[in-house]
Amino acid sequence: MPQNKKLNEAPERPGQIDSAGGLDMGILPSLMGYMLRQAQLFVYQDFYQTLAAEQIRPPQFSICEVVSRNPGIRPSDVATAIGVKRANLVPLVAALEERGYLSRASASTDRRAQSLHLTEEGESRLAHWRSLILPHEERLAEKLGPNGKGELVALLHSLVKG
């Protein structure tokens, strides 16, 4: 089934935003947190479908993207940057390392600390994932109209940054 069609199929959406199916959702659809969560689930669902064959999840992609742009970064700094707990980052990094996409080394400034680097294979896979993610982003942006993505991202930045 084409991915564009999947975006429009309500039964595959992870949650309800109105009274569809006979459920009264009360004030939930008017709450920012609830709608942000519904939007996140919707976007993640399409992301998973887009990268299903790659067996890569959003946090793993985020790790590779940050490490690619910041070679030698410490794992704790990656965790902070992408908003995950350090303990949750460890198995994600280990899985990427096991697949040959990421390598760990002693940090140049502190031999007790680790630094992360993408391998050649990791750089190659990341480039491929980006080529899949850009159409995913475009499909989502189409649903928001001509300026919708820019406006949404700007609003979310304002919300997050304060």
C-alpha atoms as a PDB file:
ATOM      1  CA  MET A   1       0.000   0.000   0.000  1.00  0.00           C
ATOM      2  CA  PRO A   2       1.434   3.452  -0.874  1.00  0.00           C
ATOM      3  CA  GLN A   3       2.686   5.445   2.072  1.00  0.00           C
ATOM      4  CA  ASN A   4       0.643   8.525   1.060  1.00  0.00           C
ATOM      5  CA  LYS A   5      -2.554   6.520   1.435  1.00  0.00           C
ATOM      6  CA  LYS A   6      -1.543   5.299   4.904  1.00  0.00           C
ATOM      7  CA  LEU A   7      -1.297   8.909   6.112  1.00  0.00           C
ATOM      8  CA  ASN A   8      -4.965   9.438   5.278  1.00  0.00           C
ATOM      9  CA  GLU A   9      -6.378   6.260   6.836  1.00  0.00           C
ATOM     10  CA  ALA A  10      -7.963   7.189  10.167  1.00  0.00           C
ATOM     11  CA  PRO A  11      -8.212   3.603  11.544  1.00  0.00           C
ATOM     12  CA  GLU A  12      -4.395   3.327  11.583  1.00  0.00           C
ATOM     13  CA  ARG A  13      -4.024   6.499  13.623  1.00  0.00           C
ATOM     14  CA  PRO A  14      -2.930   5.753  17.170  1.00  0.00           C
ATOM     15  CA  GLY A  15      -5.504   7.907  18.958  1.00  0.00           C
ATOM     16  CA  GLN A  16      -8.807   9.710  18.629  1.00  0.00           C
ATOM     17  CA  ILE A  17      -9.141  13.467  18.374  1.00  0.00           C
ATOM     18  CA  ASP A  18     -12.922  13.790  18.189  1.00  0.00           C
ATOM     19  CA  SER A  19     -16.011  11.775  19.000  1.00  0.00           C
ATOM     20  CA  ALA A  20     -15.403   9.245  16.202  1.00  0.00           C
ATOM     21  CA  GLY A  21     -16.435   5.740  17.147  1.00  0.00           C
ATOM     22  CA  GLY A  22     -18.989   7.036  19.621  1.00  0.00           C
ATOM     23  CA  LEU A  23     -16.436   8.216  22.188  1.00  0.00           C
ATOM     24  CA  ASP A  24     -16.750  11.693  23.609  1.00  0.00           C
ATOM     25  CA  MET A  25     -13.195  12.917  24.123  1.00  0.00           C
ATOM     26  CA  GLY A  26     -14.276  15.872  26.276  1.00  0.00           C
ATOM     27  CA  ILE A  27     -11.732  18.669  26.448  1.00  0.00           C
ATOM     28  CA  LEU A  28      -8.827  16.485  25.309  1.00  0.00           C
ATOM     29  CA  PRO A  29      -8.832  17.725  21.681  1.00  0.00           C
ATOM     30  CA  SER A  30      -8.498  21.308  22.952  1.00  0.00           C
ATOM     31  CA  LEU A  31      -5.465  20.561  25.147  1.00  0.00           C
ATOM     32  CA  MET A  32      -2.039  21.307  23.682  1.00  0.00           C
ATOM     33  CA  GLY A  33      -0.356  18.396  25.430  1.00  0.00           C
ATOM     34  CA  TYR A  34      -2.921  15.883  24.227  1.00  0.00           C
ATOM     35  CA  MET A  35      -2.797  17.145  20.645  1.00  0.00           C
ATOM     36  CA  LEU A  36       1.013  17.281  20.664  1.00  0.00           C
ATOM     37  CA  ARG A  37       1.062  13.657  21.765  1.00  0.00           C
ATOM     38  CA  GLN A  38      -1.443  12.653  19.075  1.00  0.00           C
ATOM     39  CA  ALA A  39       0.627  14.501  16.464  1.00  0.00           C
ATOM     40  CA  GLN A  40       3.814  12.832  17.722  1.00  0.00           C
ATOM     41  CA  LEU A  41       2.225   9.398  17.434  1.00  0.00           C
ATOM     42  CA  PHE A  42       1.008  10.214  13.935  1.00  0.00           C
ATOM     43  CA  VAL A  43       4.437  11.451  12.796  1.00  0.00           C
ATOM     44  CA  TYR A  44       6.267   8.521  14.448  1.00  0.00           C
ATOM     45  CA  GLN A  45       3.927   6.054  12.774  1.00  0.00           C
ATOM     46  CA  ASP A  46       4.831   7.421   9.353  1.00  0.00           C
ATOM     47  CA  PHE A  47       8.521   7.545  10.309  1.00  0.00           C
ATOM     48  CA  TYR A  48       8.430   3.863  11.309  1.00  0.00           C
ATOM     49  CA  GLN A  49       6.697   2.931   8.056  1.00  0.00           C
ATOM     50  CA  THR A  50       9.200   4.971   6.055  1.00  0.00           C
ATOM     51  CA  LEU A  51      12.228   3.341   7.691  1.00  0.00           C
ATOM     52  CA  ALA A  52      10.755  -0.080   8.493  1.00  0.00           C
ATOM     53  CA  ALA A  53      13.075  -1.914   6.116  1.00  0.00           C
ATOM     54  CA  GLU A  54      16.047  -0.114   7.665  1.00  0.00           C
ATOM     55  CA  GLN A  55      15.134  -1.210  11.203  1.00  0.00           C
ATOM     56  CA  ILE A  56      15.973   2.220  12.547  1.00  0.00           C
ATOM     57  CA  ARG A  57      13.972   4.117  15.149  1.00  0.00           C
ATOM     58  CA  PRO A  58      13.722   7.889  15.617  1.00  0.00           C
ATOM     59  CA  PRO A  59      16.117   8.013  18.603  1.00  0.00           C
ATOM     60  CA  GLN A  60      18.728   5.982  16.700  1.00  0.00           C
ATOM     61  CA  PHE A  61      18.437   8.291  13.700  1.00  0.00           C
ATOM     62  CA  SER A  62      18.775  11.290  16.050  1.00  0.00           C
ATOM     63  CA  ILE A  63      21.907   9.832  17.644  1.00  0.00           C
ATOM     64  CA  CYS A  64      23.527   9.254  14.252  1.00  0.00           C
ATOM     65  CA  GLU A  65      22.576  12.739  13.050  1.00  0.00           C
ATOM     66  CA  VAL A  66      24.047  14.436  16.132  1.00  0.00           C
ATOM     67  CA  VAL A  67      27.210  12.305  16.124  1.00  0.00           C
ATOM     68  CA  SER A  68      27.671  12.933  12.395  1.00  0.00           C
ATOM     69  CA  ARG A  69      27.537  16.686  12.939  1.00  0.00           C
ATOM     70  CA  ASN A  70      29.655  16.535  16.137  1.00  0.00           C
ATOM     71  CA  PRO A  71      32.310  13.812  15.754  1.00  0.00           C
ATOM     72  CA  GLY A  72      33.881  12.874  19.068  1.00  0.00           C
ATOM     73  CA  ILE A  73      30.873  13.982  21.111  1.00  0.00           C
ATOM     74  CA  ARG A  74      30.395  12.394  24.531  1.00  0.00           C
ATOM     75  CA  PRO A  75      27.392  10.107  24.984  1.00  0.00           C
ATOM     76  CA  SER A  76      26.078  12.280  27.835  1.00  0.00           C
ATOM     77  CA  ASP A  77      26.065  15.298  25.509  1.00  0.00           C
ATOM     78  CA  VAL A  78      24.149  13.313  22.869  1.00  0.00           C
ATOM     79  CA  ALA A  79      21.590  12.282  25.507  1.00  0.00           C
ATOM     80  CA  THR A  80      21.125  15.902  26.565  1.00  0.00           C
ATOM     81  CA  ALA A  81      20.892  17.121  22.972  1.00  0.00           C
ATOM     82  CA  ILE A  82      18.162  14.683  21.933  1.00  0.00           C
ATOM     83  CA  GLY A  83      16.345  14.631  25.264  1.00  0.00           C
ATOM     84  CA  VAL A  84      16.824  11.061  26.446  1.00  0.00           C
ATOM     85  CA  LYS A  85      18.112   9.738  29.739  1.00  0.00           C
ATOM     86  CA  ARG A  86      21.737   8.622  29.694  1.00  0.00           C
ATOM     87  CA  ALA A  87      20.662   5.137  30.813  1.00  0.00           C
ATOM     88  CA  ASN A  88      18.294   4.906  27.828  1.00  0.00           C
ATOM     89  CA  LEU A  89      21.012   6.064  25.449  1.00  0.00           C
ATOM     90  CA  VAL A  90      23.395   3.234  26.360  1.00  0.00           C
ATOM     91  CA  PRO A  91      21.457   0.388  24.675  1.00  0.00           C
ATOM     92  CA  LEU A  92      20.716   2.571  21.638  1.00  0.00           C
ATOM     93  CA  VAL A  93      24.409   3.338  21.178  1.00  0.00           C
ATOM     94  CA  ALA A  94      25.308  -0.324  21.752  1.00  0.00           C
ATOM     95  CA  ALA A  95      22.849  -1.428  19.053  1.00  0.00           C
ATOM     96  CA  LEU A  96      24.240   1.098  16.575  1.00  0.00           C
ATOM     97  CA  GLU A  97      27.773  -0.003  17.424  1.00  0.00           C
ATOM     98  CA  GLU A  98      26.820  -3.664  16.991  1.00  0.00           C
ATOM     99  CA  ARG A  99      25.437  -2.897  13.532  1.00  0.00           C
ATOM    100  CA  GLY A 100      28.714  -1.218  12.598  1.00  0.00           C
ATOM    101  CA  TYR A 101      27.304   2.305  12.331  1.00  0.00           C
ATOM    102  CA  LEU A 102      28.937   3.859  15.383  1.00  0.00           C
ATOM    103  CA  SER A 103      32.246   3.495  17.177  1.00  0.00           C
ATOM    104  CA  ARG A 104      33.345   4.467  20.659  1.00  0.00           C
ATOM    105  CA  ALA A 105      36.787   5.683  21.620  1.00  0.00           C
ATOM    106  CA  SER A 106      38.439   7.283  24.617  1.00  0.00           C
ATOM    107  CA  ALA A 107      37.908  11.024  24.613  1.00  0.00           C
ATOM    108  CA  SER A 108      41.044  12.971  23.749  1.00  0.00           C
ATOM    109  CA  THR A 109      40.691  15.241  26.799  1.00  0.00           C
ATOM    110  CA  ASP A 110      39.768  12.546  29.338  1.00  0.00           C
ATOM    111  CA  ARG A 111      40.665   8.893  28.779  1.00  0.00           C
ATOM    112  CA  ARG A 112      37.921   7.808  31.216  1.00  0.00           C
ATOM    113  CA  ALA A 113      35.272   9.415  29.016  1.00  0.00           C
ATOM    114  CA  GLN A 114      34.050   8.034  25.717  1.00  0.00           C
ATOM    115  CA  SER A 115      33.661   9.813  22.421  1.00  0.00           C
ATOM    116  CA  LEU A 116      31.344   8.725  19.626  1.00  0.00           C
ATOM    117  CA  HIS A 117      32.040   8.634  15.903  1.00  0.00           C
ATOM    118  CA  LEU A 118      30.083   7.376  12.928  1.00  0.00           C
ATOM    119  CA  THR A 119      31.824   4.709  10.905  1.00  0.00           C
ATOM    120  CA  GLU A 120      31.980   4.883   7.113  1.00  0.00           C
ATOM    121  CA  GLU A 121      29.040   2.490   7.034  1.00  0.00           C
ATOM    122  CA  GLY A 122      27.205   4.702   9.518  1.00  0.00           C
ATOM    123  CA  GLU A 123      27.762   7.796   7.369  1.00  0.00           C
ATOM    124  CA  SER A 124      26.547   5.888   4.323  1.00  0.00           C
ATOM    125  CA  ARG A 125      23.423   4.601   6.090  1.00  0.00           C
ATOM    126  CA  LEU A 126      22.687   8.042   7.544  1.00  0.00           C
ATOM    127  CA  ALA A 127      22.812   9.584   4.050  1.00  0.00           C
ATOM    128  CA  HIS A 128      20.381   6.917   2.862  1.00  0.00           C
ATOM    129  CA  TRP A 129      18.047   7.477   5.839  1.00  0.00           C
ATOM    130  CA  ARG A 130      18.044  11.209   5.164  1.00  0.00           C
ATOM    131  CA  SER A 131      16.989  10.500   1.575  1.00  0.00           C
ATOM    132  CA  LEU A 132      14.009   8.546   2.944  1.00  0.00           C
ATOM    133  CA  ILE A 133      13.130  11.033   5.673  1.00  0.00           C
ATOM    134  CA  LEU A 134      12.944  14.083   3.421  1.00  0.00           C
ATOM    135  CA  PRO A 135       9.955  12.704   1.444  1.00  0.00           C
ATOM    136  CA  HIS A 136       8.387  11.688   4.788  1.00  0.00           C
ATOM    137  CA  GLU A 137       8.714  15.308   5.943  1.00  0.00           C
ATOM    138  CA  GLU A 138       7.298  16.563   2.644  1.00  0.00           C
ATOM    139  CA  ARG A 139       4.253  14.264   2.943  1.00  0.00           C
ATOM    140  CA  LEU A 140       3.568  15.574   6.434  1.00  0.00           C
ATOM    141  CA  ALA A 141       4.138  19.203   5.394  1.00  0.00           C
ATOM    142  CA  GLU A 142       1.600  18.841   2.570  1.00  0.00           C
ATOM    143  CA  LYS A 143      -1.078  18.185   5.186  1.00  0.00           C
ATOM    144  CA  LEU A 144      -0.267  21.558   6.805  1.00  0.00           C
ATOM    145  CA  GLY A 145      -0.489  23.701   3.680  1.00  0.00           C
ATOM    146  CA  PRO A 146       2.051  25.986   1.996  1.00  0.00           C
ATOM    147  CA  ASN A 147       3.460  27.703   5.099  1.00  0.00           C
ATOM    148  CA  GLY A 148       2.223  25.235   7.688  1.00  0.00           C
ATOM    149  CA  LYS A 149       5.470  23.417   8.403  1.00  0.00           C
ATOM    150  CA  GLY A 150       7.447  26.621   8.932  1.00  0.00           C
ATOM    151  CA  GLU A 151       4.735  28.048  11.166  1.00  0.00           C
ATOM    152  CA  LEU A 152       4.397  24.836  13.161  1.00  0.00           C
ATOM    153  CA  VAL A 153       8.140  24.472  13.670  1.00  0.00           C
ATOM    154  CA  ALA A 154       8.409  28.130  14.718  1.00  0.00           C
ATOM    155  CA  LEU A 155       5.553  27.708  17.208  1.00  0.00           C
ATOM    156  CA  LEU A 156       7.092  24.532  18.626  1.00  0.00           C
ATOM    157  CA  HIS A 157      10.470  26.294  18.978  1.00  0.00           C
ATOM    158  CA  SER A 158       8.712  29.094  20.876  1.00  0.00           C
ATOM    159  CA  LEU A 159       6.995  26.588  23.137  1.00  0.00           C
ATOM    160  CA  VAL A 160      10.170  24.622  23.858  1.00  0.00           C
ATOM    161  CA  LYS A 161      12.597  27.553  24.159  1.00  0.00           C
ATOM    162  CA  GLY A 162      10.193  29.808  26.048  1.00  0.00           C
END
